[in-house]
Amino acid sequence: VQTQTDGRARISMADGSTVVVRPNSTIIIRDNESAEDGKRSNV
């Protein structure tokens, strides 16, 4: 995910956490999984 000078993004992950990417930033999602029972997750 890349944001330019005027860009920003809010992303919901599998474990219920929230990621906010601020302007002029680059992030890479490596893992994003959660068990069906919700007792185990890997982000």
All heavy atoms as atom14 arrays in JSON, in Angstrom:
{
  "sequence": "VQTQTDGRARISMADGSTVVVRPNSTIIIRDNESAEDGKRSNV",
  "atom14_mask": [
    [1, 1, 1, 1, 1, 1, 1, 0, 0, 0, 0, 0, 0, 0],
    [1, 1, 1, 1, 1, 1, 1, 1, 1, 0, 0, 0, 0, 0],
    [1, 1, 1, 1, 1, 1, 1, 0, 0, 0, 0, 0, 0, 0],
    [1, 1, 1, 1, 1, 1, 1, 1, 1, 0, 0, 0, 0, 0],
    [1, 1, 1, 1, 1, 1, 1, 0, 0, 0, 0, 0, 0, 0],
    [1, 1, 1, 1, 1, 1, 1, 1, 0, 0, 0, 0, 0, 0],
    [1, 1, 1, 1, 0, 0, 0, 0, 0, 0, 0, 0, 0, 0],
    [1, 1, 1, 1, 1, 1, 1, 1, 1, 1, 1, 0, 0, 0],
    [1, 1, 1, 1, 1, 0, 0, 0, 0, 0, 0, 0, 0, 0],
    [1, 1, 1, 1, 1, 1, 1, 1, 1, 1, 1, 0, 0, 0],
    [1, 1, 1, 1, 1, 1, 1, 1, 0, 0, 0, 0, 0, 0],
    [1, 1, 1, 1, 1, 1, 0, 0, 0, 0, 0, 0, 0, 0],
    [1, 1, 1, 1, 1, 1, 1, 1, 0, 0, 0, 0, 0, 0],
    [1, 1, 1, 1, 1, 0, 0, 0, 0, 0, 0, 0, 0, 0],
    [1, 1, 1, 1, 1, 1, 1, 1, 0, 0, 0, 0, 0, 0],
    [1, 1, 1, 1, 0, 0, 0, 0, 0, 0, 0, 0, 0, 0],
    [1, 1, 1, 1, 1, 1, 0, 0, 0, 0, 0, 0, 0, 0],
    [1, 1, 1, 1, 1, 1, 1, 0, 0, 0, 0, 0, 0, 0],
    [1, 1, 1, 1, 1, 1, 1, 0, 0, 0, 0, 0, 0, 0],
    [1, 1, 1, 1, 1, 1, 1, 0, 0, 0, 0, 0, 0, 0],
    [1, 1, 1, 1, 1, 1, 1, 0, 0, 0, 0, 0, 0, 0],
    [1, 1, 1, 1, 1, 1, 1, 1, 1, 1, 1, 0, 0, 0],
    [1, 1, 1, 1, 1, 1, 1, 0, 0, 0, 0, 0, 0, 0],
    [1, 1, 1, 1, 1, 1, 1, 1, 0, 0, 0, 0, 0, 0],
    [1, 1, 1, 1, 1, 1, 0, 0, 0, 0, 0, 0, 0, 0],
    [1, 1, 1, 1, 1, 1, 1, 0, 0, 0, 0, 0, 0, 0],
    [1, 1, 1, 1, 1, 1, 1, 1, 0, 0, 0, 0, 0, 0],
    [1, 1, 1, 1, 1, 1, 1, 1, 0, 0, 0, 0, 0, 0],
    [1, 1, 1, 1, 1, 1, 1, 1, 0, 0, 0, 0, 0, 0],
    [1, 1, 1, 1, 1, 1, 1, 1, 1, 1, 1, 0, 0, 0],
    [1, 1, 1, 1, 1, 1, 1, 1, 0, 0, 0, 0, 0, 0],
    [1, 1, 1, 1, 1, 1, 1, 1, 0, 0, 0, 0, 0, 0],
    [1, 1, 1, 1, 1, 1, 1, 1, 1, 0, 0, 0, 0, 0],
    [1, 1, 1, 1, 1, 1, 0, 0, 0, 0, 0, 0, 0, 0],
    [1, 1, 1, 1, 1, 0, 0, 0, 0, 0, 0, 0, 0, 0],
    [1, 1, 1, 1, 1, 1, 1, 1, 1, 0, 0, 0, 0, 0],
    [1, 1, 1, 1, 1, 1, 1, 1, 0, 0, 0, 0, 0, 0],
    [1, 1, 1, 1, 0, 0, 0, 0, 0, 0, 0, 0, 0, 0],
    [1, 1, 1, 1, 1, 1, 1, 1, 1, 0, 0, 0, 0, 0],
    [1, 1, 1, 1, 1, 1, 1, 1, 1, 1, 1, 0, 0, 0],
    [1, 1, 1, 1, 1, 1, 0, 0, 0, 0, 0, 0, 0, 0],
    [1, 1, 1, 1, 1, 1, 1, 1, 0, 0, 0, 0, 0, 0],
    [1, 1, 1, 1, 1, 1, 1, 0, 0, 0, 0, 0, 0, 0]
  ],
  "atom14_positions": [
    [[0.86, -1.19, 0.0], [0.0, 0.0, 0.0], [0.89, 1.23, 0.0], [1.77, 1.38, 0.86], [-0.94, 0.03, 1.22], [-1.79, 1.29, 1.21], [-1.83, -1.22, 1.24], [0.0, 0.0, 0.0], [0.0, 0.0, 0.0], [0.0, 0.0, 0.0], [0.0, 0.0, 0.0], [0.0, 0.0, 0.0], [0.0, 0.0, 0.0], [0.0, 0.0, 0.0]],
    [[0.66, 2.12, -0.98], [1.44, 3.34, -1.09], [0.52, 4.55, -1.03], [-0.48, 4.61, -1.75], [2.23, 3.38, -2.4], [3.35, 2.38, -2.5], [4.1, 2.48, -3.82], [3.55, 2.9, -4.83], [5.36, 2.09, -3.82], [0.0, 0.0, 0.0], [0.0, 0.0, 0.0], [0.0, 0.0, 0.0], [0.0, 0.0, 0.0], [0.0, 0.0, 0.0]],
    [[0.84, 5.52, -0.17], [0.13, 6.79, -0.13], [1.02, 7.87, -0.71], [2.22, 7.91, -0.42], [-0.28, 7.16, 1.3], [0.9, 7.21, 2.12], [-1.25, 6.14, 1.88], [0.0, 0.0, 0.0], [0.0, 0.0, 0.0], [0.0, 0.0, 0.0], [0.0, 0.0, 0.0], [0.0, 0.0, 0.0], [0.0, 0.0, 0.0], [0.0, 0.0, 0.0]],
    [[0.44, 8.74, -1.51], [1.18, 9.85, -2.08], [1.1, 11.06, -1.14], [0.64, 10.95, -0.01], [0.64, 10.18, -3.46], [0.57, 8.98, -4.4], [1.89, 8.24, -4.53], [2.92, 8.84, -4.85], [1.88, 6.94, -4.28], [0.0, 0.0, 0.0], [0.0, 0.0, 0.0], [0.0, 0.0, 0.0], [0.0, 0.0, 0.0], [0.0, 0.0, 0.0]],
    [[1.52, 12.23, -1.61], [1.57, 13.41, -0.76], [0.23, 13.76, -0.15], [0.15, 14.2, 1.01], [2.09, 14.61, -1.57], [3.37, 14.28, -2.14], [2.24, 15.84, -0.7], [0.0, 0.0, 0.0], [0.0, 0.0, 0.0], [0.0, 0.0, 0.0], [0.0, 0.0, 0.0], [0.0, 0.0, 0.0], [0.0, 0.0, 0.0], [0.0, 0.0, 0.0]],
    [[-0.86, 13.54, -0.91], [-2.19, 13.9, -0.42], [-2.99, 12.67, 0.02], [-4.2, 12.76, 0.22], [-2.98, 14.64, -1.5], [-3.23, 13.77, -2.73], [-2.49, 12.78, -2.91], [-4.15, 14.08, -3.5], [0.0, 0.0, 0.0], [0.0, 0.0, 0.0], [0.0, 0.0, 0.0], [0.0, 0.0, 0.0], [0.0, 0.0, 0.0], [0.0, 0.0, 0.0]],
    [[-2.34, 11.54, 0.18], [-3.06, 10.3, 0.47], [-2.9, 9.81, 1.9], [-1.84, 9.99, 2.52], [0.0, 0.0, 0.0], [0.0, 0.0, 0.0], [0.0, 0.0, 0.0], [0.0, 0.0, 0.0], [0.0, 0.0, 0.0], [0.0, 0.0, 0.0], [0.0, 0.0, 0.0], [0.0, 0.0, 0.0], [0.0, 0.0, 0.0], [0.0, 0.0, 0.0]],
    [[-3.92, 9.19, 2.4], [-3.88, 8.49, 3.68], [-4.96, 7.42, 3.66], [-5.95, 7.54, 2.95], [-4.06, 9.43, 4.86], [-5.41, 10.1, 4.98], [-5.45, 11.02, 6.17], [-4.53, 12.14, 6.02], [-4.02, 12.82, 7.04], [-4.31, 12.49, 8.28], [-3.21, 13.84, 6.83], [0.0, 0.0, 0.0], [0.0, 0.0, 0.0], [0.0, 0.0, 0.0]],
    [[-4.75, 6.35, 4.43], [-5.69, 5.22, 4.4], [-5.82, 4.6, 5.77], [-4.87, 4.58, 6.56], [-5.21, 4.17, 3.4], [0.0, 0.0, 0.0], [0.0, 0.0, 0.0], [0.0, 0.0, 0.0], [0.0, 0.0, 0.0], [0.0, 0.0, 0.0], [0.0, 0.0, 0.0], [0.0, 0.0, 0.0], [0.0, 0.0, 0.0], [0.0, 0.0, 0.0]],
    [[-7.03, 4.09, 6.05], [-7.32, 3.37, 7.29], [-7.74, 1.95, 6.9], [-8.67, 1.77, 6.12], [-8.42, 4.07, 8.08], [-8.74, 3.44, 9.43], [-9.87, 4.19, 10.11], [-9.51, 5.56, 10.36], [-8.93, 5.99, 11.47], [-8.65, 5.13, 12.45], [-8.62, 7.26, 11.63], [0.0, 0.0, 0.0], [0.0, 0.0, 0.0], [0.0, 0.0, 0.0]],
    [[-7.03, 0.94, 7.45], [-7.21, -0.44, 7.02], [-7.58, -1.31, 8.22], [-6.99, -1.19, 9.3], [-5.92, -0.98, 6.37], [-5.53, -0.1, 5.18], [-6.08, -2.42, 5.93], [-4.15, -0.42, 4.62], [0.0, 0.0, 0.0], [0.0, 0.0, 0.0], [0.0, 0.0, 0.0], [0.0, 0.0, 0.0], [0.0, 0.0, 0.0], [0.0, 0.0, 0.0]],
    [[-8.56, -2.19, 8.02], [-8.98, -3.14, 9.05], [-8.29, -4.48, 8.82], [-8.35, -5.03, 7.72], [-10.5, -3.31, 9.01], [-10.92, -4.32, 9.92], [0.0, 0.0, 0.0], [0.0, 0.0, 0.0], [0.0, 0.0, 0.0], [0.0, 0.0, 0.0], [0.0, 0.0, 0.0], [0.0, 0.0, 0.0], [0.0, 0.0, 0.0], [0.0, 0.0, 0.0]],
    [[-7.66, -5.02, 9.87], [-6.93, -6.27, 9.77], [-7.75, -7.42, 10.35], [-8.79, -7.23, 10.97], [-5.59, -6.16, 10.49], [-4.74, -4.96, 10.07], [-4.32, -4.95, 8.31], [-3.19, -6.33, 8.24], [0.0, 0.0, 0.0], [0.0, 0.0, 0.0], [0.0, 0.0, 0.0], [0.0, 0.0, 0.0], [0.0, 0.0, 0.0], [0.0, 0.0, 0.0]],
    [[-7.26, -8.66, 10.14], [-8.02, -9.86, 10.51], [-8.26, -9.98, 12.01], [-9.24, -10.58, 12.44], [-7.3, -11.1, 9.99], [0.0, 0.0, 0.0], [0.0, 0.0, 0.0], [0.0, 0.0, 0.0], [0.0, 0.0, 0.0], [0.0, 0.0, 0.0], [0.0, 0.0, 0.0], [0.0, 0.0, 0.0], [0.0, 0.0, 0.0], [0.0, 0.0, 0.0]],
    [[-7.37, -9.43, 12.84], [-7.52, -9.55, 14.28], [-8.33, -8.42, 14.9], [-8.43, -8.3, 16.12], [-6.14, -9.62, 14.94], [-5.33, -8.34, 14.74], [-5.72, -7.52, 13.88], [-4.3, -8.18, 15.41], [0.0, 0.0, 0.0], [0.0, 0.0, 0.0], [0.0, 0.0, 0.0], [0.0, 0.0, 0.0], [0.0, 0.0, 0.0], [0.0, 0.0, 0.0]],
    [[-8.93, -7.56, 14.06], [-9.71, -6.45, 14.55], [-8.91, -5.18, 14.77], [-9.47, -4.14, 15.14], [0.0, 0.0, 0.0], [0.0, 0.0, 0.0], [0.0, 0.0, 0.0], [0.0, 0.0, 0.0], [0.0, 0.0, 0.0], [0.0, 0.0, 0.0], [0.0, 0.0, 0.0], [0.0, 0.0, 0.0], [0.0, 0.0, 0.0], [0.0, 0.0, 0.0]],
    [[-7.61, -5.24, 14.56], [-6.78, -4.04, 14.71], [-6.97, -3.11, 13.52], [-7.46, -3.5, 12.46], [-5.31, -4.42, 14.84], [-4.84, -5.06, 13.66], [0.0, 0.0, 0.0], [0.0, 0.0, 0.0], [0.0, 0.0, 0.0], [0.0, 0.0, 0.0], [0.0, 0.0, 0.0], [0.0, 0.0, 0.0], [0.0, 0.0, 0.0], [0.0, 0.0, 0.0]],
    [[-6.57, -1.84, 13.71], [-6.7, -0.83, 12.67], [-5.32, -0.25, 12.36], [-4.57, 0.08, 13.27], [-7.64, 0.3, 13.11], [-8.93, -0.25, 13.4], [-7.78, 1.34, 12.02], [0.0, 0.0, 0.0], [0.0, 0.0, 0.0], [0.0, 0.0, 0.0], [0.0, 0.0, 0.0], [0.0, 0.0, 0.0], [0.0, 0.0, 0.0], [0.0, 0.0, 0.0]],
    [[-5.03, -0.14, 11.08], [-3.77, 0.42, 10.61], [-4.07, 1.72, 9.86], [-4.94, 1.74, 8.98], [-3.04, -0.57, 9.68], [-1.92, 0.12, 8.92], [-2.5, -1.74, 10.48], [0.0, 0.0, 0.0], [0.0, 0.0, 0.0], [0.0, 0.0, 0.0], [0.0, 0.0, 0.0], [0.0, 0.0, 0.0], [0.0, 0.0, 0.0], [0.0, 0.0, 0.0]],
    [[-3.39, 2.8, 10.21], [-3.54, 4.08, 9.53], [-2.22, 4.39, 8.83], [-1.18, 4.54, 9.47], [-3.91, 5.21, 10.51], [-4.01, 6.54, 9.76], [-5.21, 4.9, 11.22], [0.0, 0.0, 0.0], [0.0, 0.0, 0.0], [0.0, 0.0, 0.0], [0.0, 0.0, 0.0], [0.0, 0.0, 0.0], [0.0, 0.0, 0.0], [0.0, 0.0, 0.0]],
    [[-2.28, 4.49, 7.51], [-1.1, 4.8, 6.7], [-1.13, 6.28, 6.39], [-2.07, 6.78, 5.76], [-1.08, 3.98, 5.4], [0.25, 4.15, 4.69], [-1.34, 2.51, 5.67], [0.0, 0.0, 0.0], [0.0, 0.0, 0.0], [0.0, 0.0, 0.0], [0.0, 0.0, 0.0], [0.0, 0.0, 0.0], [0.0, 0.0, 0.0], [0.0, 0.0, 0.0]],
    [[-0.13, 7.01, 6.83], [-0.1, 8.45, 6.67], [0.53, 8.84, 5.32], [1.06, 7.98, 4.62], [0.64, 9.08, 7.85], [-0.19, 8.97, 9.13], [0.5, 9.42, 10.36], [-0.4, 9.41, 11.52], [-0.02, 9.41, 12.77], [1.27, 9.43, 13.06], [-0.9, 9.4, 13.75], [0.0, 0.0, 0.0], [0.0, 0.0, 0.0], [0.0, 0.0, 0.0]],
    [[0.45, 10.13, 4.92], [0.94, 10.53, 3.6], [2.41, 10.17, 3.36], [3.21, 10.1, 4.31], [0.73, 12.05, 3.6], [-0.4, 12.28, 4.56], [-0.22, 11.25, 5.63], [0.0, 0.0, 0.0], [0.0, 0.0, 0.0], [0.0, 0.0, 0.0], [0.0, 0.0, 0.0], [0.0, 0.0, 0.0], [0.0, 0.0, 0.0], [0.0, 0.0, 0.0]],
    [[2.74, 9.95, 2.09], [4.11, 9.64, 1.66], [4.67, 8.42, 2.39], [5.79, 8.45, 2.91], [5.03, 10.84, 1.88], [4.77, 11.95, 0.87], [4.5, 11.69, -0.3], [4.84, 13.19, 1.32], [0.0, 0.0, 0.0], [0.0, 0.0, 0.0], [0.0, 0.0, 0.0], [0.0, 0.0, 0.0], [0.0, 0.0, 0.0], [0.0, 0.0, 0.0]],
    [[3.88, 7.36, 2.44], [4.29, 6.16, 3.17], [4.08, 4.91, 2.31], [3.23, 4.89, 1.42], [3.52, 6.02, 4.48], [3.7, 7.15, 5.31], [0.0, 0.0, 0.0], [0.0, 0.0, 0.0], [0.0, 0.0, 0.0], [0.0, 0.0, 0.0], [0.0, 0.0, 0.0], [0.0, 0.0, 0.0], [0.0, 0.0, 0.0], [0.0, 0.0, 0.0]],
    [[4.85, 3.87, 2.63], [4.73, 2.58, 1.95], [4.75, 1.48, 3.0], [5.68, 1.41, 3.81], [5.87, 2.35, 0.96], [5.84, 3.37, -0.05], [5.75, 1.0, 0.28], [0.0, 0.0, 0.0], [0.0, 0.0, 0.0], [0.0, 0.0, 0.0], [0.0, 0.0, 0.0], [0.0, 0.0, 0.0], [0.0, 0.0, 0.0], [0.0, 0.0, 0.0]],
    [[3.72, 0.62, 2.99], [3.69, -0.52, 3.89], [3.45, -1.8, 3.09], [2.94, -1.75, 1.96], [2.6, -0.37, 4.98], [1.2, -0.54, 4.36], [2.72, 0.95, 5.71], [0.11, -0.78, 5.36], [0.0, 0.0, 0.0], [0.0, 0.0, 0.0], [0.0, 0.0, 0.0], [0.0, 0.0, 0.0], [0.0, 0.0, 0.0], [0.0, 0.0, 0.0]],
    [[3.8, -2.93, 3.67], [3.6, -4.23, 3.04], [2.89, -5.14, 4.04], [3.32, -5.25, 5.19], [4.94, -4.86, 2.62], [5.71, -3.92, 1.71], [4.7, -6.2, 1.92], [7.14, -4.36, 1.46], [0.0, 0.0, 0.0], [0.0, 0.0, 0.0], [0.0, 0.0, 0.0], [0.0, 0.0, 0.0], [0.0, 0.0, 0.0], [0.0, 0.0, 0.0]],
    [[1.82, -5.78, 3.6], [1.1, -6.73, 4.45], [1.75, -8.1, 4.28], [1.7, -8.68, 3.19], [-0.38, -6.78, 4.08], [-1.02, -5.42, 4.36], [-1.1, -7.88, 4.87], [-2.46, -5.32, 3.96], [0.0, 0.0, 0.0], [0.0, 0.0, 0.0], [0.0, 0.0, 0.0], [0.0, 0.0, 0.0], [0.0, 0.0, 0.0], [0.0, 0.0, 0.0]],
    [[2.35, -8.63, 5.33], [3.02, -9.92, 5.27], [2.09, -11.07, 5.68], [2.02, -12.1, 5.02], [4.26, -9.92, 6.18], [5.39, -9.04, 5.7], [5.89, -9.49, 4.35], [7.09, -8.77, 3.95], [7.49, -8.65, 2.7], [6.81, -9.21, 1.72], [8.58, -7.97, 2.41], [0.0, 0.0, 0.0], [0.0, 0.0, 0.0], [0.0, 0.0, 0.0]],
    [[1.4, -10.92, 6.81], [0.47, -11.94, 7.29], [-0.82, -11.26, 7.73], [-0.79, -10.15, 8.27], [1.05, -12.73, 8.46], [2.3, -13.51, 8.07], [2.22, -14.3, 7.12], [3.35, -13.31, 8.72], [0.0, 0.0, 0.0], [0.0, 0.0, 0.0], [0.0, 0.0, 0.0], [0.0, 0.0, 0.0], [0.0, 0.0, 0.0], [0.0, 0.0, 0.0]],
    [[-1.93, -11.95, 7.52], [-3.22, -11.42, 7.95], [-4.21, -12.58, 8.02], [-4.96, -12.84, 7.09], [-3.73, -10.35, 6.98], [-5.02, -9.72, 7.46], [-5.1, -9.25, 8.59], [-6.03, -9.71, 6.6], [0.0, 0.0, 0.0], [0.0, 0.0, 0.0], [0.0, 0.0, 0.0], [0.0, 0.0, 0.0], [0.0, 0.0, 0.0], [0.0, 0.0, 0.0]],
    [[-4.2, -13.29, 9.15], [-5.05, -14.45, 9.28], [-5.59, -14.55, 10.71], [-4.96, -14.09, 11.65], [-4.3, -15.73, 8.92], [-3.04, -15.96, 9.75], [-2.25, -17.17, 9.3], [-2.67, -17.8, 8.31], [-1.24, -17.49, 9.94], [0.0, 0.0, 0.0], [0.0, 0.0, 0.0], [0.0, 0.0, 0.0], [0.0, 0.0, 0.0], [0.0, 0.0, 0.0]],
    [[-6.77, -15.17, 10.82], [-7.4, -15.35, 12.12], [-8.16, -16.66, 12.11], [-8.81, -17.02, 11.11], [-8.36, -14.19, 12.42], [-9.0, -14.37, 13.66], [0.0, 0.0, 0.0], [0.0, 0.0, 0.0], [0.0, 0.0, 0.0], [0.0, 0.0, 0.0], [0.0, 0.0, 0.0], [0.0, 0.0, 0.0], [0.0, 0.0, 0.0], [0.0, 0.0, 0.0]],
    [[-8.08, -17.41, 13.21], [-8.8, -18.67, 13.32], [-10.3, -18.42, 13.38], [-10.74, -17.34, 13.78], [-8.34, -19.44, 14.56], [0.0, 0.0, 0.0], [0.0, 0.0, 0.0], [0.0, 0.0, 0.0], [0.0, 0.0, 0.0], [0.0, 0.0, 0.0], [0.0, 0.0, 0.0], [0.0, 0.0, 0.0], [0.0, 0.0, 0.0], [0.0, 0.0, 0.0]],
    [[-11.07, -19.44, 13.0], [-12.52, -19.3, 12.96], [-13.1, -18.99, 14.33], [-14.08, -18.25, 14.45], [-13.16, -20.57, 12.41], [-12.83, -20.83, 10.95], [-13.5, -22.09, 10.43], [-14.42, -22.57, 11.1], [-13.12, -22.58, 9.37], [0.0, 0.0, 0.0], [0.0, 0.0, 0.0], [0.0, 0.0, 0.0], [0.0, 0.0, 0.0], [0.0, 0.0, 0.0]],
    [[-12.51, -19.52, 15.38], [-13.04, -19.28, 16.72], [-12.59, -17.94, 17.29], [-13.01, -17.54, 18.38], [-12.65, -20.41, 17.67], [-11.13, -20.63, 17.74], [-10.38, -19.8, 17.16], [-10.7, -21.63, 18.34], [0.0, 0.0, 0.0], [0.0, 0.0, 0.0], [0.0, 0.0, 0.0], [0.0, 0.0, 0.0], [0.0, 0.0, 0.0], [0.0, 0.0, 0.0]],
    [[-11.72, -17.24, 16.57], [-11.25, -15.93, 17.01], [-10.25, -15.96, 18.15], [-9.86, -14.91, 18.66], [0.0, 0.0, 0.0], [0.0, 0.0, 0.0], [0.0, 0.0, 0.0], [0.0, 0.0, 0.0], [0.0, 0.0, 0.0], [0.0, 0.0, 0.0], [0.0, 0.0, 0.0], [0.0, 0.0, 0.0], [0.0, 0.0, 0.0], [0.0, 0.0, 0.0]],
    [[-9.78, -17.16, 18.55], [-8.86, -17.26, 19.68], [-7.4, -17.16, 19.25], [-6.52, -17.06, 20.11], [-9.1, -18.59, 20.41], [-10.47, -18.69, 21.06], [-10.63, -20.01, 21.79], [-11.99, -20.1, 22.47], [-12.18, -21.39, 23.19], [0.0, 0.0, 0.0], [0.0, 0.0, 0.0], [0.0, 0.0, 0.0], [0.0, 0.0, 0.0], [0.0, 0.0, 0.0]],
    [[-7.16, -17.19, 17.97], [-5.76, -17.11, 17.5], [-5.72, -16.3, 16.21], [-6.55, -16.49, 15.32], [-5.21, -18.52, 17.24], [-3.77, -18.53, 16.73], [-3.31, -19.97, 16.52], [-4.22, -20.7, 15.65], [-4.21, -20.63, 14.31], [-3.35, -19.82, 13.7], [-5.07, -21.35, 13.6], [0.0, 0.0, 0.0], [0.0, 0.0, 0.0], [0.0, 0.0, 0.0]],
    [[-4.78, -15.38, 16.14], [-4.62, -14.56, 14.94], [-3.15, -14.27, 14.72], [-2.34, -14.32, 15.65], [-5.41, -13.25, 15.04], [-4.97, -12.49, 16.16], [0.0, 0.0, 0.0], [0.0, 0.0, 0.0], [0.0, 0.0, 0.0], [0.0, 0.0, 0.0], [0.0, 0.0, 0.0], [0.0, 0.0, 0.0], [0.0, 0.0, 0.0], [0.0, 0.0, 0.0]],
    [[-2.81, -13.95, 13.48], [-1.43, -13.66, 13.11], [-1.45, -12.52, 12.1], [-1.83, -12.71, 10.94], [-0.75, -14.89, 12.52], [0.7, -14.62, 12.16], [1.35, -13.75, 12.75], [1.23, -15.37, 11.2], [0.0, 0.0, 0.0], [0.0, 0.0, 0.0], [0.0, 0.0, 0.0], [0.0, 0.0, 0.0], [0.0, 0.0, 0.0], [0.0, 0.0, 0.0]],
    [[-1.05, -11.33, 12.55], [-1.01, -10.15, 11.7], [0.41, -9.59, 11.72], [0.99, -9.39, 12.8], [-2.01, -9.08, 12.18], [-1.8, -7.78, 11.43], [-3.43, -9.58, 12.01], [0.0, 0.0, 0.0], [0.0, 0.0, 0.0], [0.0, 0.0, 0.0], [0.0, 0.0, 0.0], [0.0, 0.0, 0.0], [0.0, 0.0, 0.0], [0.0, 0.0, 0.0]]
  ]
}
